[in-house]
Amino acid sequence: MRQTLFESEDLLVVKVPGYREDVVFVTFESLQPSREPGRLGFGEAFFAKRGYTAYHFMPSGNCWYQYAEMPEALARVRADIAEGARIVTYGISMGAYAAYRFSEPLAADAVIAFSPQYSIDPRRVWWERRWRTQGRARMWDRQLPRKEAVKHVFYDPMNQDRRHIRGLQREAELDLVRIYFGGHHSSRILQECGLLESAVLDIGHDRFDSAAFERQVWRQRLASTTYHQVRGRKGLLRRLRYRLAEALIERRLGAPSCEDAGPLLPDRGGA
């Protein structure tokens, strides 16, 4: 039964107990155009269906969780988690920023971050024009992630997100998973290819192989509508660059015998 663990004017945290508590997920909502009362948390139905205990952070707005009550809410969640459970934080974009930044107070063992932001401070990411936070608070923008947590970061190195990843790499060691031609919607390609569930659960159970997963995504990319949309963007120079990039990636990831995905391309290219 769904339980309210913390509630304030700006933040709601709910717990959905499962029959298994060996792995516990803590999720954070991403940026939303609107937030309906009574909505489900990010991943709530997914984890409930599979029997995992999960905690879901739901903010009142698109403020990147810059709330003074966050320490209290995080402490309540951490205190409620069963002793010995493996803790995994999970989010996309704004939610990935939170999953990464709040991994320390949650004592997370792993972080799943799809297309995370490094910062929301325009003085630090002056080049970022895709969104703006609601409010001016920056209280958690420099909070470091938990050193012991394995930080699995999924992103498209040909997208502007690469600049956020560079900032994160200056702070911590990351397990990078490159989702080529995914744009900012790196998780969407996995969902369209039927690979999102295995990625999340394999990370949850500490059996995820990022190099092998990159190869698998690349070989199944044609099943993704998002891939075709990004790959087919207009502009002669962009199409030529994408064609060259795809040929280089195919040489490394397309061959069944490939053993090392590695950093296939420098993190440069059009956003």
C-alpha atoms as a PDB file:
ATOM      1  CA  MET A   1       0.000   0.000   0.000  1.00  0.00           C
ATOM      2  CA  ARG A   2       1.283   3.446  -0.942  1.00  0.00           C
ATOM      3  CA  GLN A   3       2.521   5.454   2.041  1.00  0.00           C
ATOM      4  CA  THR A   4       3.309   9.156   2.422  1.00  0.00           C
ATOM      5  CA  LEU A   5       6.731   9.397   4.008  1.00  0.00           C
ATOM      6  CA  PHE A   6       7.222  13.156   3.773  1.00  0.00           C
ATOM      7  CA  GLU A   7       5.051  16.066   2.670  1.00  0.00           C
ATOM      8  CA  SER A   8       5.537  19.817   2.518  1.00  0.00           C
ATOM      9  CA  GLU A   9       4.199  22.613   0.366  1.00  0.00           C
ATOM     10  CA  ASP A  10       6.826  21.907  -2.294  1.00  0.00           C
ATOM     11  CA  LEU A  11       7.674  18.238  -1.947  1.00  0.00           C
ATOM     12  CA  LEU A  12       5.948  14.892  -1.609  1.00  0.00           C
ATOM     13  CA  VAL A  13       7.799  11.639  -0.945  1.00  0.00           C
ATOM     14  CA  VAL A  14       5.911   8.364  -1.136  1.00  0.00           C
ATOM     15  CA  LYS A  15       6.938   4.808  -0.386  1.00  0.00           C
ATOM     16  CA  VAL A  16       5.528   1.823  -2.229  1.00  0.00           C
ATOM     17  CA  PRO A  17       6.539  -1.333  -0.325  1.00  0.00           C
ATOM     18  CA  GLY A  18       7.336  -4.457  -2.289  1.00  0.00           C
ATOM     19  CA  TYR A  19       7.727  -8.072  -1.333  1.00  0.00           C
ATOM     20  CA  ARG A  20      11.467  -7.834  -1.879  1.00  0.00           C
ATOM     21  CA  GLU A  21      13.829  -5.425  -0.154  1.00  0.00           C
ATOM     22  CA  ASP A  22      17.231  -6.724  -1.236  1.00  0.00           C
ATOM     23  CA  VAL A  23      17.332  -3.892  -3.786  1.00  0.00           C
ATOM     24  CA  VAL A  24      15.557  -0.595  -3.068  1.00  0.00           C
ATOM     25  CA  PHE A  25      15.072   2.165  -5.640  1.00  0.00           C
ATOM     26  CA  VAL A  26      14.780   5.883  -4.899  1.00  0.00           C
ATOM     27  CA  THR A  27      13.459   7.880  -7.859  1.00  0.00           C
ATOM     28  CA  PHE A  28      13.217  11.562  -8.696  1.00  0.00           C
ATOM     29  CA  GLU A  29      10.792  13.191 -11.133  1.00  0.00           C
ATOM     30  CA  SER A  30      12.127  15.062 -14.139  1.00  0.00           C
ATOM     31  CA  LEU A  31      11.031  18.412 -15.529  1.00  0.00           C
ATOM     32  CA  GLN A  32       7.285  18.385 -16.257  1.00  0.00           C
ATOM     33  CA  PRO A  33       5.009  20.834 -18.116  1.00  0.00           C
ATOM     34  CA  SER A  34       2.368  20.255 -15.438  1.00  0.00           C
ATOM     35  CA  ARG A  35       2.070  18.270 -12.232  1.00  0.00           C
ATOM     36  CA  GLU A  36      -1.322  16.744 -11.558  1.00  0.00           C
ATOM     37  CA  PRO A  37      -2.349  15.946  -7.966  1.00  0.00           C
ATOM     38  CA  GLY A  38      -2.485  12.235  -7.259  1.00  0.00           C
ATOM     39  CA  ARG A  39      -0.039  11.347 -10.034  1.00  0.00           C
ATOM     40  CA  LEU A  40       2.296   8.379  -9.780  1.00  0.00           C
ATOM     41  CA  GLY A  41       5.956   8.909  -9.031  1.00  0.00           C
ATOM     42  CA  PHE A  42       8.659   8.318 -11.599  1.00  0.00           C
ATOM     43  CA  GLY A  43       8.929   4.556 -12.154  1.00  0.00           C
ATOM     44  CA  GLU A  44       6.269   3.838  -9.554  1.00  0.00           C
ATOM     45  CA  ALA A  45       4.201   1.425 -11.626  1.00  0.00           C
ATOM     46  CA  PHE A  46       7.336  -0.251 -13.013  1.00  0.00           C
ATOM     47  CA  PHE A  47       8.828  -1.135  -9.631  1.00  0.00           C
ATOM     48  CA  ALA A  48       5.502  -1.966  -7.977  1.00  0.00           C
ATOM     49  CA  LYS A  49       4.706  -4.469 -10.729  1.00  0.00           C
ATOM     50  CA  ARG A  50       8.044  -6.199 -10.171  1.00  0.00           C
ATOM     51  CA  GLY A  51       7.795  -6.286  -6.392  1.00  0.00           C
ATOM     52  CA  TYR A  52      10.591  -3.847  -5.532  1.00  0.00           C
ATOM     53  CA  THR A  53      10.286  -1.456  -2.631  1.00  0.00           C
ATOM     54  CA  ALA A  54      10.675   2.068  -4.009  1.00  0.00           C
ATOM     55  CA  TYR A  55      10.601   5.655  -2.783  1.00  0.00           C
ATOM     56  CA  HIS A  56       9.480   8.441  -5.100  1.00  0.00           C
ATOM     57  CA  PHE A  57      10.328  12.149  -4.765  1.00  0.00           C
ATOM     58  CA  MET A  58       7.730  14.418  -6.397  1.00  0.00           C
ATOM     59  CA  PRO A  59       8.377  18.178  -6.386  1.00  0.00           C
ATOM     60  CA  SER A  60       5.809  20.909  -6.875  1.00  0.00           C
ATOM     61  CA  GLY A  61       7.734  22.557  -9.709  1.00  0.00           C
ATOM     62  CA  ASN A  62      10.716  22.492 -12.031  1.00  0.00           C
ATOM     63  CA  CYS A  63      13.207  23.839  -9.533  1.00  0.00           C
ATOM     64  CA  TRP A  64      15.791  21.041  -9.568  1.00  0.00           C
ATOM     65  CA  TYR A  65      14.891  20.085  -5.974  1.00  0.00           C
ATOM     66  CA  GLN A  66      16.306  23.298  -4.504  1.00  0.00           C
ATOM     67  CA  TYR A  67      14.255  23.009  -1.322  1.00  0.00           C
ATOM     68  CA  ALA A  68      15.461  23.659   2.210  1.00  0.00           C
ATOM     69  CA  GLU A  69      13.529  20.597   3.420  1.00  0.00           C
ATOM     70  CA  MET A  70      15.449  18.140   1.213  1.00  0.00           C
ATOM     71  CA  PRO A  71      17.837  17.022   4.007  1.00  0.00           C
ATOM     72  CA  GLU A  72      14.905  16.099   6.242  1.00  0.00           C
ATOM     73  CA  ALA A  73      13.089  14.251   3.450  1.00  0.00           C
ATOM     74  CA  LEU A  74      16.242  12.359   2.451  1.00  0.00           C
ATOM     75  CA  ALA A  75      16.983  11.454   6.069  1.00  0.00           C
ATOM     76  CA  ARG A  76      13.491  10.003   6.513  1.00  0.00           C
ATOM     77  CA  VAL A  77      13.903   7.850   3.429  1.00  0.00           C
ATOM     78  CA  ARG A  78      17.348   6.643   4.476  1.00  0.00           C
ATOM     79  CA  ALA A  79      16.134   5.783   7.983  1.00  0.00           C
ATOM     80  CA  ASP A  80      13.196   3.842   6.559  1.00  0.00           C
ATOM     81  CA  ILE A  81      15.248   1.629   4.234  1.00  0.00           C
ATOM     82  CA  ALA A  82      15.858  -1.866   5.557  1.00  0.00           C
ATOM     83  CA  GLU A  83      19.328  -2.605   6.871  1.00  0.00           C
ATOM     84  CA  GLY A  84      21.532  -4.305   4.282  1.00  0.00           C
ATOM     85  CA  ALA A  85      19.460  -3.314   1.254  1.00  0.00           C
ATOM     86  CA  ARG A  86      21.242  -2.222  -1.903  1.00  0.00           C
ATOM     87  CA  ILE A  87      20.166   1.377  -2.580  1.00  0.00           C
ATOM     88  CA  VAL A  88      19.878   2.685  -6.149  1.00  0.00           C
ATOM     89  CA  THR A  89      18.946   6.270  -7.034  1.00  0.00           C
ATOM     90  CA  TYR A  90      17.333   6.813 -10.430  1.00  0.00           C
ATOM     91  CA  GLY A  91      16.283   9.750 -12.563  1.00  0.00           C
ATOM     92  CA  ILE A  92      16.197  11.396 -15.977  1.00  0.00           C
ATOM     93  CA  SER A  93      17.442  14.947 -16.713  1.00  0.00           C
ATOM     94  CA  MET A  94      16.339  17.036 -13.705  1.00  0.00           C
ATOM     95  CA  GLY A  95      15.658  13.767 -11.883  1.00  0.00           C
ATOM     96  CA  ALA A  96      19.126  12.513 -12.831  1.00  0.00           C
ATOM     97  CA  TYR A  97      20.641  15.691 -11.385  1.00  0.00           C
ATOM     98  CA  ALA A  98      18.888  14.823  -8.106  1.00  0.00           C
ATOM     99  CA  ALA A  99      19.777  11.119  -8.239  1.00  0.00           C
ATOM    100  CA  TYR A 100      23.437  12.084  -8.600  1.00  0.00           C
ATOM    101  CA  ARG A 101      23.524  15.003  -6.141  1.00  0.00           C
ATOM    102  CA  PHE A 102      21.574  13.233  -3.378  1.00  0.00           C
ATOM    103  CA  SER A 103      23.350   9.875  -3.545  1.00  0.00           C
ATOM    104  CA  GLU A 104      25.515  10.815  -0.541  1.00  0.00           C
ATOM    105  CA  PRO A 105      22.763  11.497   2.049  1.00  0.00           C
ATOM    106  CA  LEU A 106      20.958   8.361   0.855  1.00  0.00           C
ATOM    107  CA  ALA A 107      24.151   6.284   1.117  1.00  0.00           C
ATOM    108  CA  ALA A 108      23.414   4.954  -2.372  1.00  0.00           C
ATOM    109  CA  ASP A 109      25.289   1.978  -3.765  1.00  0.00           C
ATOM    110  CA  ALA A 110      24.529   2.922  -7.371  1.00  0.00           C
ATOM    111  CA  VAL A 111      23.184   5.858  -9.373  1.00  0.00           C
ATOM    112  CA  ILE A 112      21.222   5.587 -12.621  1.00  0.00           C
ATOM    113  CA  ALA A 113      21.382   8.979 -14.335  1.00  0.00           C
ATOM    114  CA  PHE A 114      20.009   9.546 -17.836  1.00  0.00           C
ATOM    115  CA  SER A 115      21.208  12.816 -19.428  1.00  0.00           C
ATOM    116  CA  PRO A 116      21.967  14.546 -16.108  1.00  0.00           C
ATOM    117  CA  GLN A 117      22.783  18.217 -15.657  1.00  0.00           C
ATOM    118  CA  TYR A 118      26.071  19.185 -14.068  1.00  0.00           C
ATOM    119  CA  SER A 119      24.737  22.502 -12.815  1.00  0.00           C
ATOM    120  CA  ILE A 120      21.713  24.773 -13.026  1.00  0.00           C
ATOM    121  CA  ASP A 121      23.715  27.905 -12.246  1.00  0.00           C
ATOM    122  CA  PRO A 122      23.927  30.114 -15.373  1.00  0.00           C
ATOM    123  CA  ARG A 123      27.297  31.362 -14.149  1.00  0.00           C
ATOM    124  CA  ARG A 124      28.670  27.820 -14.338  1.00  0.00           C
ATOM    125  CA  VAL A 125      26.807  26.603 -17.427  1.00  0.00           C
ATOM    126  CA  TRP A 126      26.485  29.894 -19.316  1.00  0.00           C
ATOM    127  CA  TRP A 127      26.115  27.992 -22.605  1.00  0.00           C
ATOM    128  CA  GLU A 128      22.941  26.136 -21.512  1.00  0.00           C
ATOM    129  CA  ARG A 129      19.808  27.660 -23.078  1.00  0.00           C
ATOM    130  CA  ARG A 130      17.454  24.676 -23.246  1.00  0.00           C
ATOM    131  CA  TRP A 131      15.654  25.254 -19.955  1.00  0.00           C
ATOM    132  CA  ARG A 132      15.573  27.461 -16.923  1.00  0.00           C
ATOM    133  CA  THR A 133      14.889  26.576 -13.323  1.00  0.00           C
ATOM    134  CA  GLN A 134      11.959  28.019 -11.408  1.00  0.00           C
ATOM    135  CA  GLY A 135      13.481  30.066  -8.611  1.00  0.00           C
ATOM    136  CA  ARG A 136      17.008  31.269  -7.939  1.00  0.00           C
ATOM    137  CA  ALA A 137      18.140  28.868  -5.198  1.00  0.00           C
ATOM    138  CA  ARG A 138      21.357  26.913  -5.846  1.00  0.00           C
ATOM    139  CA  MET A 139      21.732  25.192  -2.487  1.00  0.00           C
ATOM    140  CA  TRP A 140      22.533  21.684  -3.766  1.00  0.00           C
ATOM    141  CA  ASP A 141      24.366  22.590  -6.970  1.00  0.00           C
ATOM    142  CA  ARG A 142      27.806  21.773  -5.581  1.00  0.00           C
ATOM    143  CA  GLN A 143      26.884  18.790  -3.405  1.00  0.00           C
ATOM    144  CA  LEU A 144      29.197  15.954  -4.373  1.00  0.00           C
ATOM    145  CA  PRO A 145      27.858  12.456  -5.044  1.00  0.00           C
ATOM    146  CA  ARG A 146      28.680   9.518  -2.842  1.00  0.00           C
ATOM    147  CA  LYS A 147      32.202   8.390  -3.635  1.00  0.00           C
ATOM    148  CA  GLU A 148      31.412   4.713  -3.023  1.00  0.00           C
ATOM    149  CA  ALA A 149      28.404   4.697  -5.361  1.00  0.00           C
ATOM    150  CA  VAL A 150      28.856   3.439  -8.911  1.00  0.00           C
ATOM    151  CA  LYS A 151      27.541   6.287 -11.036  1.00  0.00           C
ATOM    152  CA  HIS A 152      26.051   4.928 -14.280  1.00  0.00           C
ATOM    153  CA  VAL A 153      25.541   7.884 -16.618  1.00  0.00           C
ATOM    154  CA  PHE A 154      23.716   7.428 -19.926  1.00  0.00           C
ATOM    155  CA  TYR A 155      24.044  10.198 -22.503  1.00  0.00           C
ATOM    156  CA  ASP A 156      24.532  11.080 -26.165  1.00  0.00           C
ATOM    157  CA  PRO A 157      28.106  12.397 -26.715  1.00  0.00           C
ATOM    158  CA  MET A 158      26.966  14.099 -29.922  1.00  0.00           C
ATOM    159  CA  ASN A 159      24.459  16.198 -27.979  1.00  0.00           C
ATOM    160  CA  GLN A 160      25.051  19.275 -25.810  1.00  0.00           C
ATOM    161  CA  ASP A 161      24.676  17.029 -22.775  1.00  0.00           C
ATOM    162  CA  ARG A 162      28.336  16.120 -23.284  1.00  0.00           C
ATOM    163  CA  ARG A 163      29.272  19.454 -21.716  1.00  0.00           C
ATOM    164  CA  HIS A 164      27.397  18.570 -18.534  1.00  0.00           C
ATOM    165  CA  ILE A 165      29.162  15.195 -18.472  1.00  0.00           C
ATOM    166  CA  ARG A 166      32.555  16.894 -18.628  1.00  0.00           C
ATOM    167  CA  GLY A 167      31.634  18.873 -15.534  1.00  0.00           C
ATOM    168  CA  LEU A 168      30.499  15.747 -13.700  1.00  0.00           C
ATOM    169  CA  GLN A 169      33.739  13.985 -14.626  1.00  0.00           C
ATOM    170  CA  ARG A 170      35.685  16.701 -12.857  1.00  0.00           C
ATOM    171  CA  GLU A 171      33.831  15.784  -9.663  1.00  0.00           C
ATOM    172  CA  ALA A 172      33.655  12.005  -9.717  1.00  0.00           C
ATOM    173  CA  GLU A 173      34.451   8.798 -11.548  1.00  0.00           C
ATOM    174  CA  LEU A 174      31.595   7.872 -13.879  1.00  0.00           C
ATOM    175  CA  ASP A 175      30.565   4.675 -15.636  1.00  0.00           C
ATOM    176  CA  LEU A 176      29.618   6.245 -18.971  1.00  0.00           C
ATOM    177  CA  VAL A 177      27.128   4.584 -21.305  1.00  0.00           C
ATOM    178  CA  ARG A 178      27.011   6.336 -24.670  1.00  0.00           C
ATOM    179  CA  ILE A 179      23.646   6.312 -26.410  1.00  0.00           C
ATOM    180  CA  TYR A 180      24.441   7.640 -29.868  1.00  0.00           C
ATOM    181  CA  PHE A 181      21.741   9.618 -31.708  1.00  0.00           C
ATOM    182  CA  GLY A 182      19.575   9.699 -28.611  1.00  0.00           C
ATOM    183  CA  GLY A 183      19.747  13.437 -28.057  1.00  0.00           C
ATOM    184  CA  HIS A 184      18.631  14.482 -24.584  1.00  0.00           C
ATOM    185  CA  HIS A 185      16.166  11.572 -24.562  1.00  0.00           C
ATOM    186  CA  SER A 186      18.742   8.847 -23.972  1.00  0.00           C
ATOM    187  CA  SER A 187      16.293   6.709 -21.988  1.00  0.00           C
ATOM    188  CA  ARG A 188      13.703   6.825 -24.757  1.00  0.00           C
ATOM    189  CA  ILE A 189      15.911   4.904 -27.180  1.00  0.00           C
ATOM    190  CA  LEU A 190      16.340   2.144 -24.604  1.00  0.00           C
ATOM    191  CA  GLN A 191      12.608   1.977 -24.015  1.00  0.00           C
ATOM    192  CA  GLU A 192      11.871   1.821 -27.744  1.00  0.00           C
ATOM    193  CA  CYS A 193      14.454  -0.938 -28.193  1.00  0.00           C
ATOM    194  CA  GLY A 194      13.107  -2.919 -25.229  1.00  0.00           C
ATOM    195  CA  LEU A 195      16.319  -2.488 -23.222  1.00  0.00           C
ATOM    196  CA  LEU A 196      15.376  -0.064 -20.438  1.00  0.00           C
ATOM    197  CA  GLU A 197      14.096  -2.712 -18.038  1.00  0.00           C
ATOM    198  CA  SER A 198      17.217  -4.851 -18.299  1.00  0.00           C
ATOM    199  CA  ALA A 199      19.497  -1.833 -17.797  1.00  0.00           C
ATOM    200  CA  VAL A 200      17.704  -0.664 -14.654  1.00  0.00           C
ATOM    201  CA  LEU A 201      17.384  -4.100 -13.079  1.00  0.00           C
ATOM    202  CA  ASP A 202      20.911  -5.205 -14.003  1.00  0.00           C
ATOM    203  CA  ILE A 203      22.282  -2.091 -12.323  1.00  0.00           C
ATOM    204  CA  GLY A 204      20.019  -2.770  -9.378  1.00  0.00           C
ATOM    205  CA  HIS A 205      21.513  -6.233  -8.971  1.00  0.00           C
ATOM    206  CA  ASP A 206      25.092  -5.130  -9.687  1.00  0.00           C
ATOM    207  CA  ARG A 207      25.498  -7.169 -12.883  1.00  0.00           C
ATOM    208  CA  PHE A 208      25.527  -4.389 -15.483  1.00  0.00           C
ATOM    209  CA  ASP A 209      28.197  -4.439 -18.208  1.00  0.00           C
ATOM    210  CA  SER A 210      28.317  -0.963 -19.751  1.00  0.00           C
ATOM    211  CA  ALA A 211      30.539  -1.884 -22.728  1.00  0.00           C
ATOM    212  CA  ALA A 212      28.390  -4.851 -23.690  1.00  0.00           C
ATOM    213  CA  PHE A 213      25.257  -2.769 -23.230  1.00  0.00           C
ATOM    214  CA  GLU A 214      26.547  -0.015 -25.538  1.00  0.00           C
ATOM    215  CA  ARG A 215      27.079  -2.598 -28.258  1.00  0.00           C
ATOM    216  CA  GLN A 216      23.622  -4.050 -27.731  1.00  0.00           C
ATOM    217  CA  VAL A 217      21.934  -0.649 -27.970  1.00  0.00           C
ATOM    218  CA  TRP A 218      23.850   0.190 -31.131  1.00  0.00           C
ATOM    219  CA  ARG A 219      22.870  -3.047 -32.839  1.00  0.00           C
ATOM    220  CA  GLN A 220      19.201  -2.608 -31.951  1.00  0.00           C
ATOM    221  CA  ARG A 221      18.975   1.138 -32.609  1.00  0.00           C
ATOM    222  CA  LEU A 222      16.976   0.782 -35.830  1.00  0.00           C
ATOM    223  CA  ALA A 223      13.978  -0.245 -33.719  1.00  0.00           C
ATOM    224  CA  SER A 224      13.950   3.226 -32.137  1.00  0.00           C
ATOM    225  CA  THR A 225      11.829   6.071 -33.491  1.00  0.00           C
ATOM    226  CA  THR A 226      13.974   8.529 -31.519  1.00  0.00           C
ATOM    227  CA  TYR A 227      17.111   7.316 -33.304  1.00  0.00           C
ATOM    228  CA  HIS A 228      15.540   7.911 -36.707  1.00  0.00           C
ATOM    229  CA  GLN A 229      14.311  11.364 -35.678  1.00  0.00           C
ATOM    230  CA  VAL A 230      17.714  12.494 -34.422  1.00  0.00           C
ATOM    231  CA  ARG A 231      19.615  10.817 -37.257  1.00  0.00           C
ATOM    232  CA  GLY A 232      17.387  12.467 -39.869  1.00  0.00           C
ATOM    233  CA  ARG A 233      17.728  16.064 -38.678  1.00  0.00           C
ATOM    234  CA  LYS A 234      17.947  18.662 -41.432  1.00  0.00           C
ATOM    235  CA  GLY A 235      21.083  20.397 -42.629  1.00  0.00           C
ATOM    236  CA  LEU A 236      23.617  19.130 -45.146  1.00  0.00           C
ATOM    237  CA  LEU A 237      26.652  19.531 -42.892  1.00  0.00           C
ATOM    238  CA  ARG A 238      24.871  17.859 -39.989  1.00  0.00           C
ATOM    239  CA  ARG A 239      23.843  14.897 -42.153  1.00  0.00           C
ATOM    240  CA  LEU A 240      27.386  14.501 -43.479  1.00  0.00           C
ATOM    241  CA  ARG A 241      28.804  14.652 -39.948  1.00  0.00           C
ATOM    242  CA  TYR A 242      26.274  12.108 -38.726  1.00  0.00           C
ATOM    243  CA  ARG A 243      27.027   9.786 -41.637  1.00  0.00           C
ATOM    244  CA  LEU A 244      30.745   9.877 -40.886  1.00  0.00           C
ATOM    245  CA  ALA A 245      30.149   9.425 -37.160  1.00  0.00           C
ATOM    246  CA  GLU A 246      27.866   6.471 -37.760  1.00  0.00           C
ATOM    247  CA  ALA A 247      30.454   4.776 -39.959  1.00  0.00           C
ATOM    248  CA  LEU A 248      33.087   5.175 -37.251  1.00  0.00           C
ATOM    249  CA  ILE A 249      30.763   3.897 -34.538  1.00  0.00           C
ATOM    250  CA  GLU A 250      29.747   0.912 -36.662  1.00  0.00           C
ATOM    251  CA  ARG A 251      33.377  -0.131 -37.048  1.00  0.00           C
ATOM    252  CA  ARG A 252      33.712  -0.354 -33.281  1.00  0.00           C
ATOM    253  CA  LEU A 253      30.279  -1.432 -32.094  1.00  0.00           C
ATOM    254  CA  GLY A 254      28.705  -3.208 -35.037  1.00  0.00           C
ATOM    255  CA  ALA A 255      31.008  -6.203 -35.227  1.00  0.00           C
ATOM    256  CA  PRO A 256      29.767  -9.137 -33.090  1.00  0.00           C
ATOM    257  CA  SER A 257      33.352  -9.897 -32.044  1.00  0.00           C
ATOM    258  CA  CYS A 258      33.957  -6.404 -30.662  1.00  0.00           C
ATOM    259  CA  GLU A 259      35.320  -6.654 -27.133  1.00  0.00           C
ATOM    260  CA  ASP A 260      35.954  -3.034 -26.185  1.00  0.00           C
ATOM    261  CA  ALA A 261      33.437  -0.296 -26.883  1.00  0.00           C
ATOM    262  CA  GLY A 262      35.690   2.391 -25.443  1.00  0.00           C
ATOM    263  CA  PRO A 263      35.264   6.099 -26.104  1.00  0.00           C
ATOM    264  CA  LEU A 264      34.333   5.837 -29.765  1.00  0.00           C
ATOM    265  CA  LEU A 265      34.304   9.499 -30.696  1.00  0.00           C
ATOM    266  CA  PRO A 266      35.564  12.675 -29.076  1.00  0.00           C
ATOM    267  CA  ASP A 267      32.807  14.463 -27.245  1.00  0.00           C
ATOM    268  CA  ARG A 268      32.288  17.031 -29.957  1.00  0.00           C
ATOM    269  CA  GLY A 269      29.461  17.609 -32.374  1.00  0.00           C
ATOM    270  CA  GLY A 270      26.215  19.470 -32.832  1.00  0.00           C
ATOM    271  CA  ALA A 271      23.710  19.722 -30.043  1.00  0.00           C
END
